[in-house]
C-alpha atoms as a PDB file:
ATOM      1  CA  MET A   1       0.000   0.000   0.000  1.00  0.00           C
ATOM      2  CA  LYS A   2       1.371   3.428  -0.912  1.00  0.00           C
ATOM      3  CA  ARG A   3       1.681   6.013   1.829  1.00  0.00           C
ATOM      4  CA  ARG A   4      -0.660   8.376  -0.057  1.00  0.00           C
ATOM      5  CA  ASP A   5      -3.374   5.727  -0.031  1.00  0.00           C
ATOM      6  CA  ALA A   6      -2.690   4.702   3.548  1.00  0.00           C
ATOM      7  CA  LEU A   7      -3.040   8.248   4.819  1.00  0.00           C
ATOM      8  CA  LYS A   8      -6.587   8.337   3.507  1.00  0.00           C
ATOM      9  CA  ALA A   9      -7.393   5.874   6.285  1.00  0.00           C
ATOM     10  CA  ILE A  10      -6.149   8.373   8.836  1.00  0.00           C
ATOM     11  CA  GLY A  11      -7.509  11.567   7.392  1.00  0.00           C
ATOM     12  CA  VAL A  12      -4.717  14.057   6.777  1.00  0.00           C
ATOM     13  CA  SER A  13      -7.057  16.916   7.670  1.00  0.00           C
ATOM     14  CA  MET A  14      -7.394  15.438  11.157  1.00  0.00           C
ATOM     15  CA  VAL A  15      -3.625  15.266  11.469  1.00  0.00           C
ATOM     16  CA  ALA A  16      -2.939  18.702  10.055  1.00  0.00           C
ATOM     17  CA  SER A  17      -5.524  20.366  12.271  1.00  0.00           C
ATOM     18  CA  GLY A  18      -4.004  18.832  15.365  1.00  0.00           C
ATOM     19  CA  LEU A  19      -7.033  16.732  16.268  1.00  0.00           C
ATOM     20  CA  LEU A  20      -4.941  13.793  17.337  1.00  0.00           C
ATOM     21  CA  PHE A  21      -5.236  11.446  20.249  1.00  0.00           C
ATOM     22  CA  HIS A  22      -5.552  13.571  23.379  1.00  0.00           C
ATOM     23  CA  ARG A  23      -7.161  11.836  26.324  1.00  0.00           C
ATOM     24  CA  CYS A  24      -6.427  12.865  29.878  1.00  0.00           C
ATOM     25  CA  SER A  25      -8.142  11.634  33.011  1.00  0.00           C
ATOM     26  CA  ASN A  26      -9.643  14.157  35.433  1.00  0.00           C
ATOM     27  CA  GLU A  27      -7.552  12.643  38.167  1.00  0.00           C
ATOM     28  CA  LYS A  28      -4.307  13.415  36.331  1.00  0.00           C
ATOM     29  CA  ALA A  29      -5.455  16.904  35.370  1.00  0.00           C
ATOM     30  CA  ASP A  30      -6.451  17.691  38.959  1.00  0.00           C
ATOM     31  CA  ARG A  31      -3.127  16.381  40.216  1.00  0.00           C
ATOM     32  CA  VAL A  32      -1.202  18.680  37.877  1.00  0.00           C
ATOM     33  CA  ILE A  33      -3.321  21.747  38.656  1.00  0.00           C
ATOM     34  CA  SER A  34      -3.267  21.218  42.413  1.00  0.00           C
ATOM     35  CA  ARG A  35       0.535  21.120  42.655  1.00  0.00           C
ATOM     36  CA  VAL A  36       2.000  24.317  44.088  1.00  0.00           C
ATOM     37  CA  ASN A  37       5.445  23.381  45.355  1.00  0.00           C
ATOM     38  CA  LEU A  38       7.042  21.471  42.492  1.00  0.00           C
ATOM     39  CA  GLU A  39       9.650  18.821  43.234  1.00  0.00           C
ATOM     40  CA  LEU A  40      11.577  18.563  39.987  1.00  0.00           C
ATOM     41  CA  LYS A  41      14.109  16.058  38.734  1.00  0.00           C
ATOM     42  CA  GLU A  42      15.531  16.595  35.252  1.00  0.00           C
ATOM     43  CA  GLY A  43      12.573  18.765  34.290  1.00  0.00           C
ATOM     44  CA  ARG A  44       9.858  16.415  35.579  1.00  0.00           C
ATOM     45  CA  GLU A  45       8.017  16.223  38.865  1.00  0.00           C
ATOM     46  CA  LEU A  46       8.847  13.296  41.093  1.00  0.00           C
ATOM     47  CA  TRP A  47       5.365  11.815  40.725  1.00  0.00           C
ATOM     48  CA  GLU A  48       5.900  11.780  36.951  1.00  0.00           C
ATOM     49  CA  TRP A  49       9.071   9.725  37.352  1.00  0.00           C
ATOM     50  CA  GLU A  50       7.264   7.378  39.736  1.00  0.00           C
ATOM     51  CA  ARG A  51       4.468   6.972  37.206  1.00  0.00           C
ATOM     52  CA  LEU A  52       6.952   6.234  34.404  1.00  0.00           C
ATOM     53  CA  ASP A  53       8.706   3.631  36.521  1.00  0.00           C
ATOM     54  CA  GLU A  54       5.360   2.013  37.276  1.00  0.00           C
ATOM     55  CA  LEU A  55       4.327   1.879  33.605  1.00  0.00           C
ATOM     56  CA  ASN A  56       7.708   0.592  32.480  1.00  0.00           C
ATOM     57  CA  SER A  57       7.665  -2.194  35.057  1.00  0.00           C
ATOM     58  CA  PHE A  58       5.345  -4.434  33.035  1.00  0.00           C
ATOM     59  CA  THR A  59       4.380  -5.293  29.456  1.00  0.00           C
ATOM     60  CA  PHE A  60       0.791  -5.276  28.254  1.00  0.00           C
ATOM     61  CA  PHE A  61       0.803  -6.782  24.745  1.00  0.00           C
ATOM     62  CA  ASP A  62       1.975 -10.376  24.436  1.00  0.00           C
ATOM     63  CA  ARG A  63       4.223 -11.506  21.571  1.00  0.00           C
ATOM     64  CA  GLN A  64       1.366 -12.410  19.231  1.00  0.00           C
ATOM     65  CA  GLU A  65      -0.480  -9.159  19.891  1.00  0.00           C
ATOM     66  CA  ARG A  66       2.695  -7.139  19.430  1.00  0.00           C
ATOM     67  CA  GLY A  67       3.390  -8.795  16.077  1.00  0.00           C
ATOM     68  CA  THR A  68      -0.133  -8.083  14.857  1.00  0.00           C
ATOM     69  CA  LEU A  69       0.035  -4.507  16.109  1.00  0.00           C
ATOM     70  CA  THR A  70       3.324  -3.924  14.289  1.00  0.00           C
ATOM     71  CA  GLU A  71       1.880  -5.230  11.013  1.00  0.00           C
ATOM     72  CA  LEU A  72      -1.160  -3.016  11.409  1.00  0.00           C
ATOM     73  CA  VAL A  73       0.612   0.265  12.122  1.00  0.00           C
ATOM     74  CA  ASP A  74       2.913  -0.284   9.139  1.00  0.00           C
ATOM     75  CA  LEU A  75      -0.092  -0.840   6.911  1.00  0.00           C
ATOM     76  CA  ILE A  76      -1.627   2.385   8.180  1.00  0.00           C
ATOM     77  CA  ILE A  77       1.594   4.374   7.745  1.00  0.00           C
ATOM     78  CA  PRO A  78       4.034   2.419   5.574  1.00  0.00           C
ATOM     79  CA  ALA A  79       7.559   3.489   4.770  1.00  0.00           C
ATOM     80  CA  ASP A  80       8.198   5.323   1.527  1.00  0.00           C
ATOM     81  CA  GLU A  81      11.259   6.673  -0.260  1.00  0.00           C
ATOM     82  CA  ASP A  82      11.403   9.734   2.010  1.00  0.00           C
ATOM     83  CA  SER A  83      10.107   8.636   5.413  1.00  0.00           C
ATOM     84  CA  PRO A  84      10.195   5.600   7.717  1.00  0.00           C
ATOM     85  CA  GLY A  85       7.153   3.497   8.499  1.00  0.00           C
ATOM     86  CA  ALA A  86       5.247   3.631  11.770  1.00  0.00           C
ATOM     87  CA  SER A  87       7.043   0.757  13.470  1.00  0.00           C
ATOM     88  CA  GLU A  88      10.455   2.218  12.613  1.00  0.00           C
ATOM     89  CA  VAL A  89       9.757   5.322  14.702  1.00  0.00           C
ATOM     90  CA  GLY A  90       8.407   3.388  17.676  1.00  0.00           C
ATOM     91  CA  VAL A  91       4.642   3.655  17.224  1.00  0.00           C
ATOM     92  CA  PRO A  92       4.026   0.185  18.758  1.00  0.00           C
ATOM     93  CA  ASP A  93       5.954   1.339  21.842  1.00  0.00           C
ATOM     94  CA  PHE A  94       3.864   4.503  21.945  1.00  0.00           C
ATOM     95  CA  ILE A  95       0.623   2.506  21.832  1.00  0.00           C
ATOM     96  CA  GLU A  96       1.934   0.125  24.497  1.00  0.00           C
ATOM     97  CA  PHE A  97       2.620   3.113  26.744  1.00  0.00           C
ATOM     98  CA  ILE A  98      -0.755   4.745  26.108  1.00  0.00           C
ATOM     99  CA  VAL A  99      -2.807   1.647  26.894  1.00  0.00           C
ATOM    100  CA  LYS A 100      -0.847   1.092  30.104  1.00  0.00           C
ATOM    101  CA  ASP A 101      -1.349   4.716  31.097  1.00  0.00           C
ATOM    102  CA  GLN A 102      -5.047   4.619  30.179  1.00  0.00           C
ATOM    103  CA  PRO A 103      -6.383   1.208  31.240  1.00  0.00           C
ATOM    104  CA  GLU A 104      -9.808   1.876  29.719  1.00  0.00           C
ATOM    105  CA  LEU A 105      -8.194   1.327  26.315  1.00  0.00           C
ATOM    106  CA  GLN A 106      -6.731  -2.056  27.165  1.00  0.00           C
ATOM    107  CA  GLN A 107      -9.800  -4.194  26.587  1.00  0.00           C
ATOM    108  CA  PRO A 108     -10.820  -2.468  23.325  1.00  0.00           C
ATOM    109  CA  MET A 109      -7.296  -2.939  21.966  1.00  0.00           C
ATOM    110  CA  ARG A 110      -6.994  -6.559  23.091  1.00  0.00           C
ATOM    111  CA  ASP A 111     -10.461  -7.412  21.810  1.00  0.00           C
ATOM    112  CA  GLY A 112      -9.720  -5.649  18.523  1.00  0.00           C
ATOM    113  CA  LEU A 113      -6.479  -7.534  17.931  1.00  0.00           C
ATOM    114  CA  LYS A 114      -8.269 -10.794  18.681  1.00  0.00           C
ATOM    115  CA  TRP A 115     -11.101  -9.846  16.331  1.00  0.00           C
ATOM    116  CA  ILE A 116      -8.760  -9.124  13.448  1.00  0.00           C
ATOM    117  CA  ASP A 117      -6.983 -12.464  13.928  1.00  0.00           C
ATOM    118  CA  ASP A 118     -10.286 -14.328  14.112  1.00  0.00           C
ATOM    119  CA  TYR A 119     -11.618 -12.540  11.018  1.00  0.00           C
ATOM    120  CA  SER A 120      -8.376 -13.251   9.170  1.00  0.00           C
ATOM    121  CA  ARG A 121      -8.632 -16.968   9.970  1.00  0.00           C
ATOM    122  CA  GLN A 122     -12.242 -16.969   8.853  1.00  0.00           C
ATOM    123  CA  GLN A 123     -11.456 -15.249   5.542  1.00  0.00           C
ATOM    124  CA  PHE A 124      -7.999 -16.567   4.675  1.00  0.00           C
ATOM    125  CA  GLY A 125      -7.260 -19.490   6.993  1.00  0.00           C
ATOM    126  CA  SER A 126      -4.507 -17.890   9.085  1.00  0.00           C
ATOM    127  CA  ALA A 127      -3.891 -15.241  11.733  1.00  0.00           C
ATOM    128  CA  PHE A 128      -3.316 -11.709  10.440  1.00  0.00           C
ATOM    129  CA  ILE A 129       0.480 -11.873  10.513  1.00  0.00           C
ATOM    130  CA  GLY A 130       0.381 -15.119   8.524  1.00  0.00           C
ATOM    131  CA  ILE A 131      -1.515 -13.891   5.479  1.00  0.00           C
ATOM    132  CA  THR A 132      -0.227 -11.914   2.494  1.00  0.00           C
ATOM    133  CA  THR A 133       0.012  -8.146   2.410  1.00  0.00           C
ATOM    134  CA  ASN A 134      -2.711  -8.074  -0.234  1.00  0.00           C
ATOM    135  CA  GLN A 135      -5.022 -10.099   2.009  1.00  0.00           C
ATOM    136  CA  GLN A 136      -4.207  -7.864   4.983  1.00  0.00           C
ATOM    137  CA  THR A 137      -5.062  -4.815   2.917  1.00  0.00           C
ATOM    138  CA  GLN A 138      -8.377  -6.352   1.894  1.00  0.00           C
ATOM    139  CA  ILE A 139      -9.329  -6.737   5.540  1.00  0.00           C
ATOM    140  CA  LEU A 140      -8.318  -3.186   6.406  1.00  0.00           C
ATOM    141  CA  ASP A 141     -10.200  -1.787   3.418  1.00  0.00           C
ATOM    142  CA  ARG A 142     -13.372  -3.418   4.729  1.00  0.00           C
ATOM    143  CA  ILE A 143     -13.079  -1.828   8.171  1.00  0.00           C
ATOM    144  CA  ALA A 144     -11.416   1.469   7.170  1.00  0.00           C
ATOM    145  CA  TYR A 145     -13.866   2.214   4.328  1.00  0.00           C
ATOM    146  CA  PRO A 146     -16.883   0.064   5.230  1.00  0.00           C
ATOM    147  CA  GLU A 147     -19.588  -0.129   2.583  1.00  0.00           C
ATOM    148  CA  SER A 148     -21.953  -1.211   5.329  1.00  0.00           C
ATOM    149  CA  LYS A 149     -21.762  -1.437   9.103  1.00  0.00           C
ATOM    150  CA  SER A 150     -22.801  -5.049   9.300  1.00  0.00           C
ATOM    151  CA  SER A 151     -22.808  -6.738  12.687  1.00  0.00           C
ATOM    152  CA  GLU A 152     -19.900  -8.894  11.492  1.00  0.00           C
ATOM    153  CA  LEU A 153     -17.672  -5.897  10.776  1.00  0.00           C
ATOM    154  CA  ARG A 154     -18.835  -3.518  13.508  1.00  0.00           C
ATOM    155  CA  PRO A 155     -16.207  -4.580  16.088  1.00  0.00           C
ATOM    156  CA  GLY A 156     -13.463  -4.256  13.478  1.00  0.00           C
ATOM    157  CA  ILE A 157     -14.658  -0.812  12.392  1.00  0.00           C
ATOM    158  CA  ALA A 158     -14.596   0.446  15.985  1.00  0.00           C
ATOM    159  CA  PHE A 159     -11.179  -1.088  16.590  1.00  0.00           C
ATOM    160  CA  PHE A 160      -9.665   0.403  13.450  1.00  0.00           C
ATOM    161  CA  ALA A 161     -10.968   3.873  14.326  1.00  0.00           C
ATOM    162  CA  LEU A 162      -9.164   3.678  17.667  1.00  0.00           C
ATOM    163  CA  LEU A 163      -6.025   2.159  16.174  1.00  0.00           C
ATOM    164  CA  ARG A 164      -5.589   4.743  13.432  1.00  0.00           C
ATOM    165  CA  GLU A 165      -6.050   7.556  15.969  1.00  0.00           C
ATOM    166  CA  LEU A 166      -3.333   6.061  18.156  1.00  0.00           C
ATOM    167  CA  THR A 167      -1.097   5.390  15.171  1.00  0.00           C
ATOM    168  CA  ALA A 168      -1.467   8.919  13.816  1.00  0.00           C
ATOM    169  CA  SER A 169      -0.815  10.445  17.234  1.00  0.00           C
ATOM    170  CA  GLY A 170       2.248   8.302  17.753  1.00  0.00           C
ATOM    171  CA  TYR A 171       3.693   8.903  14.289  1.00  0.00           C
ATOM    172  CA  PHE A 172       2.994  12.590  13.862  1.00  0.00           C
ATOM    173  CA  THR A 173       4.535  13.503  17.206  1.00  0.00           C
ATOM    174  CA  THR A 174       7.896  12.057  16.143  1.00  0.00           C
ATOM    175  CA  LYS A 175      10.624  13.969  14.313  1.00  0.00           C
ATOM    176  CA  ALA A 176       9.968  11.946  11.137  1.00  0.00           C
ATOM    177  CA  GLY A 177       6.227  12.566  11.310  1.00  0.00           C
ATOM    178  CA  ILE A 178       6.604  16.296  11.887  1.00  0.00           C
ATOM    179  CA  GLU A 179       9.031  16.537   8.967  1.00  0.00           C
ATOM    180  CA  TYR A 180       6.604  14.592   6.757  1.00  0.00           C
ATOM    181  CA  LEU A 181       3.872  17.135   7.499  1.00  0.00           C
ATOM    182  CA  GLY A 182       6.265  19.962   6.721  1.00  0.00           C
ATOM    183  CA  TYR A 183       5.620  21.637  10.058  1.00  0.00           C
ATOM    184  CA  VAL A 184       8.426  24.032  11.001  1.00  0.00           C
ATOM    185  CA  GLY A 185       6.947  25.762  14.042  1.00  0.00           C
ATOM    186  CA  ASN A 186       8.127  29.128  15.289  1.00  0.00           C
ATOM    187  CA  ARG A 187      11.564  30.131  14.084  1.00  0.00           C
ATOM    188  CA  PRO A 188      13.718  33.102  15.111  1.00  0.00           C
ATOM    189  CA  ASN A 189      13.712  35.971  12.682  1.00  0.00           C
ATOM    190  CA  VAL A 190      16.315  38.608  11.872  1.00  0.00           C
ATOM    191  CA  TRP A 191      15.243  42.187  12.565  1.00  0.00           C
ATOM    192  CA  GLU A 192      16.786  44.573  10.044  1.00  0.00           C
ATOM    193  CA  GLY A 193      14.817  47.631  11.011  1.00  0.00           C
ATOM    194  CA  VAL A 194      11.705  49.248   9.541  1.00  0.00           C
ATOM    195  CA  PRO A 195      11.584  48.779   5.742  1.00  0.00           C
ATOM    196  CA  ALA A 196      12.600  51.864   3.775  1.00  0.00           C
ATOM    197  CA  ASP A 197       9.261  52.109   1.940  1.00  0.00           C
ATOM    198  CA  VAL A 198       7.418  52.272   5.277  1.00  0.00           C
ATOM    199  CA  LEU A 199       9.728  55.010   6.527  1.00  0.00           C
ATOM    200  CA  ARG A 200       9.081  56.998   3.341  1.00  0.00           C
ATOM    201  CA  GLN A 201       5.325  56.530   3.756  1.00  0.00           C
ATOM    202  CA  TYR A 202       5.487  58.196   7.171  1.00  0.00           C
ATOM    203  CA  HIS A 203       8.016  60.834   6.124  1.00  0.00           C
ATOM    204  CA  LEU A 204      10.769  59.393   8.243  1.00  0.00           C
ATOM    205  CA  THR A 205      13.355  58.997   5.514  1.00  0.00           C
ATOM    206  CA  HIS A 206      15.861  60.856   7.677  1.00  0.00           C
ATOM    207  CA  LEU A 207      16.062  57.687   9.761  1.00  0.00           C
ATOM    208  CA  ILE A 208      17.334  55.655   6.806  1.00  0.00           C
ATOM    209  CA  THR A 209      21.047  55.027   7.229  1.00  0.00           C
END
């Protein structure tokens, strides 16, 4: 699948407008707002380091799930001649982190990965990572651009919507993703004084040196 075609499944307008994955629990927001005396270590509060240690202490996705997830994110954002694919910039790691940080996403992700394997076996006789790229693309086309929301496909459609949001958020917050979008951000400018034509307009040509 070409990157141009794959990005249709994400919606470049969503990416460009900044409407990426941004969930934050009220508990975390309240904790940040309520802090007055900050205890910092290398630019982060101590509770942030404790939270990172906690999340990094265990793995959520098993080997099979991780393999399927890696195949999926690379189908959503494949490599091209100019940019790396999603797995190359660590999108599976990003998704692993997010689902550990936000446990409400764990069951939808696990159920979705199971659904796509089950559907793949039903359609092509093997789990998702065991079928051809063409067959994988056929499955994704059915749930990314569904012609109908049949009961059979409904779980896959919901799963893919979540997955592409996570994939886009993970990819387009990396250096490679930002460069692909062409975003340059704020850059320092060089001030060379008021332009001469403006000075002439306001009869201040005597200030021109």
